[in-house]
Amino acid sequence: MTNETMNNNIIGTRIADGRRAKGFSQAQLARLVCVSPQAVGKWERGESLPDIFMLGRIAEAIGKMNINYFLGKDPCDCKVCKCCKD
């Protein structure tokens, strides 16, 4: 498995986890971010990735403020910046 595939899978899993945590179906998330349900499915399976702007829309829809959430990285705990908090 390549690094690209692993990154796609991490991001897709995080999108799916966030969507489920909010109780959204793929179709509901798709409507919120103005894409097709098929696009959400492809992201979640790691077949494609949303662009950086779409990640922002997805983050807003699922209540995550830190893009590191999608990368599988832990936010820092510097206690200075608010961008590090979920």
PDB file of N, CA and C in Angstrom:
ATOM      1  N   MET A   1       0.852  -1.180   0.000  1.00  0.00           N
ATOM      2  CA  MET A   1       0.000   0.000   0.000  1.00  0.00           C
ATOM      3  C   MET A   1       0.897   1.242   0.000  1.00  0.00           C
ATOM      4  N   THR A   2       0.599   2.172  -0.882  1.00  0.00           N
ATOM      5  CA  THR A   2       1.404   3.381  -0.989  1.00  0.00           C
ATOM      6  C   THR A   2       0.995   4.401   0.066  1.00  0.00           C
ATOM      7  N   ASN A   3       1.873   5.395   0.297  1.00  0.00           N
ATOM      8  CA  ASN A   3       1.537   6.470   1.232  1.00  0.00           C
ATOM      9  C   ASN A   3       0.275   7.202   0.793  1.00  0.00           C
ATOM     10  N   GLU A   4       0.138   7.389  -0.522  1.00  0.00           N
ATOM     11  CA  GLU A   4      -1.049   8.084  -1.041  1.00  0.00           C
ATOM     12  C   GLU A   4      -2.315   7.314  -0.688  1.00  0.00           C
ATOM     13  N   THR A   5      -2.293   6.004  -0.856  1.00  0.00           N
ATOM     14  CA  THR A   5      -3.450   5.185  -0.535  1.00  0.00           C
ATOM     15  C   THR A   5      -3.744   5.243   0.952  1.00  0.00           C
ATOM     16  N   MET A   6      -2.702   5.178   1.777  1.00  0.00           N
ATOM     17  CA  MET A   6      -2.905   5.252   3.218  1.00  0.00           C
ATOM     18  C   MET A   6      -3.510   6.591   3.610  1.00  0.00           C
ATOM     19  N   ASN A   7      -3.020   7.689   3.031  1.00  0.00           N
ATOM     20  CA  ASN A   7      -3.572   9.010   3.328  1.00  0.00           C
ATOM     21  C   ASN A   7      -5.017   9.107   2.888  1.00  0.00           C
ATOM     22  N   ASN A   8      -5.335   8.591   1.706  1.00  0.00           N
ATOM     23  CA  ASN A   8      -6.711   8.597   1.230  1.00  0.00           C
ATOM     24  C   ASN A   8      -7.609   7.837   2.195  1.00  0.00           C
ATOM     25  N   ASN A   9      -7.130   6.697   2.673  1.00  0.00           N
ATOM     26  CA  ASN A   9      -7.932   5.883   3.590  1.00  0.00           C
ATOM     27  C   ASN A   9      -8.122   6.582   4.931  1.00  0.00           C
ATOM     28  N   ILE A  10      -7.088   7.244   5.429  1.00  0.00           N
ATOM     29  CA  ILE A  10      -7.206   7.974   6.694  1.00  0.00           C
ATOM     30  C   ILE A  10      -8.230   9.089   6.551  1.00  0.00           C
ATOM     31  N   ILE A  11      -8.106   9.864   5.504  1.00  0.00           N
ATOM     32  CA  ILE A  11      -9.026  10.981   5.299  1.00  0.00           C
ATOM     33  C   ILE A  11     -10.447  10.456   5.112  1.00  0.00           C
ATOM     34  N   GLY A  12     -10.607   9.423   4.306  1.00  0.00           N
ATOM     35  CA  GLY A  12     -11.932   8.843   4.085  1.00  0.00           C
ATOM     36  C   GLY A  12     -12.556   8.309   5.361  1.00  0.00           C
ATOM     37  N   THR A  13     -11.757   7.648   6.167  1.00  0.00           N
ATOM     38  CA  THR A  13     -12.249   7.122   7.440  1.00  0.00           C
ATOM     39  C   THR A  13     -12.668   8.245   8.366  1.00  0.00           C
ATOM     40  N   ARG A  14     -11.881   9.309   8.391  1.00  0.00           N
ATOM     41  CA  ARG A  14     -12.220  10.450   9.247  1.00  0.00           C
ATOM     42  C   ARG A  14     -13.497  11.141   8.779  1.00  0.00           C
ATOM     43  N   ILE A  15     -13.691  11.243   7.475  1.00  0.00           N
ATOM     44  CA  ILE A  15     -14.934  11.834   6.963  1.00  0.00           C
ATOM     45  C   ILE A  15     -16.114  10.960   7.402  1.00  0.00           C
ATOM     46  N   ALA A  16     -15.987   9.650   7.208  1.00  0.00           N
ATOM     47  CA  ALA A  16     -17.067   8.730   7.583  1.00  0.00           C
ATOM     48  C   ALA A  16     -17.339   8.772   9.083  1.00  0.00           C
ATOM     49  N   ASP A  17     -16.288   8.772   9.895  1.00  0.00           N
ATOM     50  CA  ASP A  17     -16.466   8.818  11.351  1.00  0.00           C
ATOM     51  C   ASP A  17     -17.163  10.100  11.791  1.00  0.00           C
ATOM     52  N   GLY A  18     -16.733  11.216  11.221  1.00  0.00           N
ATOM     53  CA  GLY A  18     -17.346  12.494  11.566  1.00  0.00           C
ATOM     54  C   GLY A  18     -18.799  12.560  11.144  1.00  0.00           C
ATOM     55  N   ARG A  19     -19.069  12.036   9.953  1.00  0.00           N
ATOM     56  CA  ARG A  19     -20.444  12.020   9.443  1.00  0.00           C
ATOM     57  C   ARG A  19     -21.335  11.174  10.340  1.00  0.00           C
ATOM     58  N   ARG A  20     -20.860   9.993  10.691  1.00  0.00           N
ATOM     59  CA  ARG A  20     -21.650   9.103  11.546  1.00  0.00           C
ATOM     60  C   ARG A  20     -21.853   9.696  12.938  1.00  0.00           C
ATOM     61  N   ALA A  21     -20.815  10.354  13.465  1.00  0.00           N
ATOM     62  CA  ALA A  21     -20.928  10.971  14.792  1.00  0.00           C
ATOM     63  C   ALA A  21     -22.025  12.035  14.824  1.00  0.00           C
ATOM     64  N   LYS A  22     -22.231  12.691  13.704  1.00  0.00           N
ATOM     65  CA  LYS A  22     -23.298  13.689  13.592  1.00  0.00           C
ATOM     66  C   LYS A  22     -24.644  13.064  13.243  1.00  0.00           C
ATOM     67  N   GLY A  23     -24.634  11.773  12.928  1.00  0.00           N
ATOM     68  CA  GLY A  23     -25.870  11.086  12.577  1.00  0.00           C
ATOM     69  C   GLY A  23     -26.344  11.349  11.157  1.00  0.00           C
ATOM     70  N   PHE A  24     -25.414  11.768  10.288  1.00  0.00           N
ATOM     71  CA  PHE A  24     -25.754  12.062   8.898  1.00  0.00           C
ATOM     72  C   PHE A  24     -25.580  10.830   8.028  1.00  0.00           C
ATOM     73  N   SER A  25     -26.464  10.684   7.058  1.00  0.00           N
ATOM     74  CA  SER A  25     -26.243   9.707   5.998  1.00  0.00           C
ATOM     75  C   SER A  25     -25.273  10.340   4.993  1.00  0.00           C
ATOM     76  N   GLN A  26     -24.772   9.536   4.066  1.00  0.00           N
ATOM     77  CA  GLN A  26     -23.924  10.093   3.017  1.00  0.00           C
ATOM     78  C   GLN A  26     -24.689  11.134   2.216  1.00  0.00           C
ATOM     79  N   ALA A  27     -25.970  10.864   1.958  1.00  0.00           N
ATOM     80  CA  ALA A  27     -26.785  11.803   1.182  1.00  0.00           C
ATOM     81  C   ALA A  27     -26.977  13.119   1.933  1.00  0.00           C
ATOM     82  N   GLN A  28     -27.158  13.049   3.239  1.00  0.00           N
ATOM     83  CA  GLN A  28     -27.331  14.270   4.023  1.00  0.00           C
ATOM     84  C   GLN A  28     -26.052  15.110   4.021  1.00  0.00           C
ATOM     85  N   LEU A  29     -24.907  14.466   4.213  1.00  0.00           N
ATOM     86  CA  LEU A  29     -23.643  15.210   4.168  1.00  0.00           C
ATOM     87  C   LEU A  29     -23.444  15.797   2.780  1.00  0.00           C
ATOM     88  N   ALA A  30     -23.761  15.027   1.769  1.00  0.00           N
ATOM     89  CA  ALA A  30     -23.613  15.506   0.393  1.00  0.00           C
ATOM     90  C   ALA A  30     -24.429  16.774   0.164  1.00  0.00           C
ATOM     91  N   ARG A  31     -25.661  16.778   0.645  1.00  0.00           N
ATOM     92  CA  ARG A  31     -26.500  17.974   0.489  1.00  0.00           C
ATOM     93  C   ARG A  31     -25.900  19.168   1.223  1.00  0.00           C
ATOM     94  N   LEU A  32     -25.353  18.934   2.415  1.00  0.00           N
ATOM     95  CA  LEU A  32     -24.781  20.024   3.210  1.00  0.00           C
ATOM     96  C   LEU A  32     -23.575  20.673   2.534  1.00  0.00           C
ATOM     97  N   VAL A  33     -22.797  19.865   1.800  1.00  0.00           N
ATOM     98  CA  VAL A  33     -21.580  20.406   1.173  1.00  0.00           C
ATOM     99  C   VAL A  33     -21.711  20.549  -0.344  1.00  0.00           C
ATOM    100  N   CYS A  34     -22.926  20.332  -0.848  1.00  0.00           N
ATOM    101  CA  CYS A  34     -23.244  20.553  -2.271  1.00  0.00           C
ATOM    102  C   CYS A  34     -22.456  19.668  -3.231  1.00  0.00           C
ATOM    103  N   VAL A  35     -22.442  18.371  -2.943  1.00  0.00           N
ATOM    104  CA  VAL A  35     -21.864  17.381  -3.850  1.00  0.00           C
ATOM    105  C   VAL A  35     -22.841  16.215  -3.951  1.00  0.00           C
ATOM    106  N   SER A  36     -22.513  15.249  -4.782  1.00  0.00           N
ATOM    107  CA  SER A  36     -23.369  14.066  -4.905  1.00  0.00           C
ATOM    108  C   SER A  36     -23.061  13.075  -3.780  1.00  0.00           C
ATOM    109  N   PRO A  37     -24.047  12.249  -3.426  1.00  0.00           N
ATOM    110  CA  PRO A  37     -23.782  11.189  -2.450  1.00  0.00           C
ATOM    111  C   PRO A  37     -22.673  10.238  -2.928  1.00  0.00           C
ATOM    112  N   GLN A  38     -22.572  10.076  -4.254  1.00  0.00           N
ATOM    113  CA  GLN A  38     -21.527   9.206  -4.794  1.00  0.00           C
ATOM    114  C   GLN A  38     -20.139   9.768  -4.488  1.00  0.00           C
ATOM    115  N   ALA A  39     -20.001  11.094  -4.514  1.00  0.00           N
ATOM    116  CA  ALA A  39     -18.709  11.715  -4.187  1.00  0.00           C
ATOM    117  C   ALA A  39     -18.337  11.426  -2.739  1.00  0.00           C
ATOM    118  N   VAL A  40     -19.307  11.549  -1.838  1.00  0.00           N
ATOM    119  CA  VAL A  40     -19.042  11.254  -0.424  1.00  0.00           C
ATOM    120  C   VAL A  40     -18.612   9.798  -0.271  1.00  0.00           C
ATOM    121  N   GLY A  41     -19.298   8.903  -0.957  1.00  0.00           N
ATOM    122  CA  GLY A  41     -18.936   7.491  -0.902  1.00  0.00           C
ATOM    123  C   GLY A  41     -17.517   7.232  -1.392  1.00  0.00           C
ATOM    124  N   LYS A  42     -17.130   7.882  -2.475  1.00  0.00           N
ATOM    125  CA  LYS A  42     -15.766   7.720  -3.004  1.00  0.00           C
ATOM    126  C   LYS A  42     -14.740   8.249  -2.020  1.00  0.00           C
ATOM    127  N   TRP A  43     -15.028   9.385  -1.385  1.00  0.00           N
ATOM    128  CA  TRP A  43     -14.094   9.910  -0.381  1.00  0.00           C
ATOM    129  C   TRP A  43     -13.943   8.919   0.758  1.00  0.00           C
ATOM    130  N   GLU A  44     -15.062   8.412   1.241  1.00  0.00           N
ATOM    131  CA  GLU A  44     -15.027   7.513   2.394  1.00  0.00           C
ATOM    132  C   GLU A  44     -14.329   6.196   2.083  1.00  0.00           C
ATOM    133  N   ARG A  45     -14.392   5.747   0.846  1.00  0.00           N
ATOM    134  CA  ARG A  45     -13.695   4.514   0.448  1.00  0.00           C
ATOM    135  C   ARG A  45     -12.242   4.771   0.063  1.00  0.00           C
ATOM    136  N   GLY A  46     -11.827   6.017   0.033  1.00  0.00           N
ATOM    137  CA  GLY A  46     -10.449   6.356  -0.331  1.00  0.00           C
ATOM    138  C   GLY A  46     -10.195   6.316  -1.823  1.00  0.00           C
ATOM    139  N   GLU A  47     -11.251   6.316  -2.627  1.00  0.00           N
ATOM    140  CA  GLU A  47     -11.101   6.275  -4.084  1.00  0.00           C
ATOM    141  C   GLU A  47     -10.777   7.637  -4.672  1.00  0.00           C
ATOM    142  N   SER A  48     -11.154   8.684  -3.966  1.00  0.00           N
ATOM    143  CA  SER A  48     -10.831  10.048  -4.368  1.00  0.00           C
ATOM    144  C   SER A  48     -10.799  10.902  -3.118  1.00  0.00           C
ATOM    145  N   LEU A  49     -10.337  12.123  -3.267  1.00  0.00           N
ATOM    146  CA  LEU A  49     -10.254  13.044  -2.137  1.00  0.00           C
ATOM    147  C   LEU A  49     -10.928  14.363  -2.466  1.00  0.00           C
ATOM    148  N   PRO A  50     -11.547  14.971  -1.466  1.00  0.00           N
ATOM    149  CA  PRO A  50     -12.064  16.321  -1.682  1.00  0.00           C
ATOM    150  C   PRO A  50     -10.886  17.292  -1.735  1.00  0.00           C
ATOM    151  N   ASP A  51     -11.058  18.421  -2.434  1.00  0.00           N
ATOM    152  CA  ASP A  51      -9.982  19.405  -2.434  1.00  0.00           C
ATOM    153  C   ASP A  51      -9.964  20.125  -1.078  1.00  0.00           C
ATOM    154  N   ILE A  52      -8.960  20.944  -0.868  1.00  0.00           N
ATOM    155  CA  ILE A  52      -8.753  21.588   0.427  1.00  0.00           C
ATOM    156  C   ILE A  52      -9.935  22.469   0.812  1.00  0.00           C
ATOM    157  N   PHE A  53     -10.548  23.127  -0.154  1.00  0.00           N
ATOM    158  CA  PHE A  53     -11.709  23.969   0.144  1.00  0.00           C
ATOM    159  C   PHE A  53     -12.903  23.128   0.571  1.00  0.00           C
ATOM    160  N   MET A  54     -13.085  21.996  -0.091  1.00  0.00           N
ATOM    161  CA  MET A  54     -14.179  21.106   0.268  1.00  0.00           C
ATOM    162  C   MET A  54     -13.946  20.507   1.658  1.00  0.00           C
ATOM    163  N   LEU A  55     -12.685  20.224   2.000  1.00  0.00           N
ATOM    164  CA  LEU A  55     -12.400  19.724   3.344  1.00  0.00           C
ATOM    165  C   LEU A  55     -12.865  20.727   4.395  1.00  0.00           C
ATOM    166  N   GLY A  56     -12.707  22.003   4.096  1.00  0.00           N
ATOM    167  CA  GLY A  56     -13.187  23.031   5.005  1.00  0.00           C
ATOM    168  C   GLY A  56     -14.693  22.984   5.182  1.00  0.00           C
ATOM    169  N   ARG A  57     -15.401  22.769   4.085  1.00  0.00           N
ATOM    170  CA  ARG A  57     -16.868  22.675   4.143  1.00  0.00           C
ATOM    171  C   ARG A  57     -17.302  21.428   4.909  1.00  0.00           C
ATOM    172  N   ILE A  58     -16.589  20.330   4.672  1.00  0.00           N
ATOM    173  CA  ILE A  58     -16.909  19.086   5.377  1.00  0.00           C
ATOM    174  C   ILE A  58     -16.655  19.265   6.872  1.00  0.00           C
ATOM    175  N   ALA A  59     -15.513  19.869   7.202  1.00  0.00           N
ATOM    176  CA  ALA A  59     -15.175  20.103   8.611  1.00  0.00           C
ATOM    177  C   ALA A  59     -16.266  20.911   9.300  1.00  0.00           C
ATOM    178  N   GLU A  60     -16.733  21.942   8.636  1.00  0.00           N
ATOM    179  CA  GLU A  60     -17.799  22.776   9.199  1.00  0.00           C
ATOM    180  C   GLU A  60     -19.071  21.952   9.410  1.00  0.00           C
ATOM    181  N   ALA A  61     -19.400  21.122   8.434  1.00  0.00           N
ATOM    182  CA  ALA A  61     -20.628  20.323   8.504  1.00  0.00           C
ATOM    183  C   ALA A  61     -20.587  19.303   9.637  1.00  0.00           C
ATOM    184  N   ILE A  62     -19.400  18.743   9.905  1.00  0.00           N
ATOM    185  CA  ILE A  62     -19.312  17.711  10.947  1.00  0.00           C
ATOM    186  C   ILE A  62     -18.786  18.244  12.269  1.00  0.00           C
ATOM    187  N   GLY A  63     -18.581  19.565  12.336  1.00  0.00           N
ATOM    188  CA  GLY A  63     -18.208  20.178  13.609  1.00  0.00           C
ATOM    189  C   GLY A  63     -16.751  20.053  13.993  1.00  0.00           C
ATOM    190  N   LYS A  64     -15.881  19.901  13.012  1.00  0.00           N
ATOM    191  CA  LYS A  64     -14.446  19.841  13.283  1.00  0.00           C
ATOM    192  C   LYS A  64     -13.806  21.116  12.752  1.00  0.00           C
ATOM    193  N   MET A  65     -12.983  21.732  13.558  1.00  0.00           N
ATOM    194  CA  MET A  65     -12.379  22.997  13.156  1.00  0.00           C
ATOM    195  C   MET A  65     -10.911  22.847  12.755  1.00  0.00           C
ATOM    196  N   ASN A  66     -10.320  21.718  13.017  1.00  0.00           N
ATOM    197  CA  ASN A  66      -8.901  21.519  12.778  1.00  0.00           C
ATOM    198  C   ASN A  66      -8.703  20.548  11.622  1.00  0.00           C
ATOM    199  N   ILE A  67      -8.030  20.987  10.577  1.00  0.00           N
ATOM    200  CA  ILE A  67      -7.820  20.131   9.403  1.00  0.00           C
ATOM    201  C   ILE A  67      -6.977  18.903   9.746  1.00  0.00           C
ATOM    202  N   ASN A  68      -6.198  18.966  10.822  1.00  0.00           N
ATOM    203  CA  ASN A  68      -5.421  17.798  11.238  1.00  0.00           C
ATOM    204  C   ASN A  68      -6.318  16.615  11.569  1.00  0.00           C
ATOM    205  N   TYR A  69      -7.570  16.868  11.906  1.00  0.00           N
ATOM    206  CA  TYR A  69      -8.526  15.786  12.142  1.00  0.00           C
ATOM    207  C   TYR A  69      -8.567  14.840  10.943  1.00  0.00           C
ATOM    208  N   PHE A  70      -8.569  15.389   9.743  1.00  0.00           N
ATOM    209  CA  PHE A  70      -8.663  14.575   8.533  1.00  0.00           C
ATOM    210  C   PHE A  70      -7.380  13.825   8.227  1.00  0.00           C
ATOM    211  N   LEU A  71      -6.268  14.302   8.745  1.00  0.00           N
ATOM    212  CA  LEU A  71      -4.976  13.685   8.469  1.00  0.00           C
ATOM    213  C   LEU A  71      -4.603  12.632   9.493  1.00  0.00           C
ATOM    214  N   GLY A  72      -5.450  12.467  10.499  1.00  0.00           N
ATOM    215  CA  GLY A  72      -5.180  11.464  11.515  1.00  0.00           C
ATOM    216  C   GLY A  72      -4.139  11.901  12.518  1.00  0.00           C
ATOM    217  N   LYS A  73      -3.880  13.209  12.575  1.00  0.00           N
ATOM    218  CA  LYS A  73      -2.894  13.728  13.511  1.00  0.00           C
ATOM    219  C   LYS A  73      -3.602  14.309  14.723  1.00  0.00           C
ATOM    220  N   ASP A  74      -2.929  14.232  15.848  1.00  0.00           N
ATOM    221  CA  ASP A  74      -3.478  14.819  17.056  1.00  0.00           C
ATOM    222  C   ASP A  74      -3.251  16.319  17.037  1.00  0.00           C
ATOM    223  N   PRO A  75      -4.229  17.078  17.522  1.00  0.00           N
ATOM    224  CA  PRO A  75      -4.006  18.526  17.617  1.00  0.00           C
ATOM    225  C   PRO A  75      -2.958  18.815  18.679  1.00  0.00           C
ATOM    226  N   CYS A  76      -2.273  19.903  18.521  1.00  0.00           N
ATOM    227  CA  CYS A  76      -1.289  20.277  19.530  1.00  0.00           C
ATOM    228  C   CYS A  76      -2.022  20.731  20.785  1.00  0.00           C
ATOM    229  N   ASP A  77      -1.304  20.807  21.868  1.00  0.00           N
ATOM    230  CA  ASP A  77      -1.932  21.302  23.093  1.00  0.00           C
ATOM    231  C   ASP A  77      -1.169  22.511  23.617  1.00  0.00           C
ATOM    232  N   CYS A  78      -0.874  23.418  22.692  1.00  0.00           N
ATOM    233  CA  CYS A  78      -0.072  24.586  23.052  1.00  0.00           C
ATOM    234  C   CYS A  78      -0.829  25.557  23.951  1.00  0.00           C
ATOM    235  N   LYS A  79      -2.148  25.426  24.012  1.00  0.00           N
ATOM    236  CA  LYS A  79      -3.003  26.264  24.839  1.00  0.00           C
ATOM    237  C   LYS A  79      -2.920  27.749  24.480  1.00  0.00           C
ATOM    238  N   VAL A  80      -2.368  28.047  23.306  1.00  0.00           N
ATOM    239  CA  VAL A  80      -2.255  29.423  22.871  1.00  0.00           C
ATOM    240  C   VAL A  80      -3.218  29.695  21.724  1.00  0.00           C
ATOM    241  N   CYS A  81      -3.177  28.842  20.726  1.00  0.00           N
ATOM    242  CA  CYS A  81      -4.011  29.080  19.545  1.00  0.00           C
ATOM    243  C   CYS A  81      -5.312  28.285  19.634  1.00  0.00           C
ATOM    244  N   LYS A  82      -6.363  28.878  19.149  1.00  0.00           N
ATOM    245  CA  LYS A  82      -7.664  28.202  19.150  1.00  0.00           C
ATOM    246  C   LYS A  82      -7.809  27.260  17.973  1.00  0.00           C
ATOM    247  N   CYS A  83      -6.942  27.378  16.973  1.00  0.00           N
ATOM    248  CA  CYS A  83      -7.064  26.526  15.793  1.00  0.00           C
ATOM    249  C   CYS A  83      -6.734  25.070  16.106  1.00  0.00           C
ATOM    250  N   CYS A  84      -6.098  24.826  17.209  1.00  0.00           N
ATOM    251  CA  CYS A  84      -5.700  23.461  17.561  1.00  0.00           C
ATOM    252  C   CYS A  84      -6.818  22.680  18.241  1.00  0.00           C
ATOM    253  N   LYS A  85      -7.867  23.340  18.583  1.00  0.00           N
ATOM    254  CA  LYS A  85      -8.944  22.676  19.326  1.00  0.00           C
ATOM    255  C   LYS A  85     -10.018  22.193  18.374  1.00  0.00           C
ATOM    256  N   ASP A  86     -10.519  20.989  18.626  1.00  0.00           N
ATOM    257  CA  ASP A  86     -11.645  20.446  17.843  1.00  0.00           C
ATOM    258  C   ASP A  86     -12.915  21.103  18.261  1.00  0.00           C
TER     259      ASP A  86
END
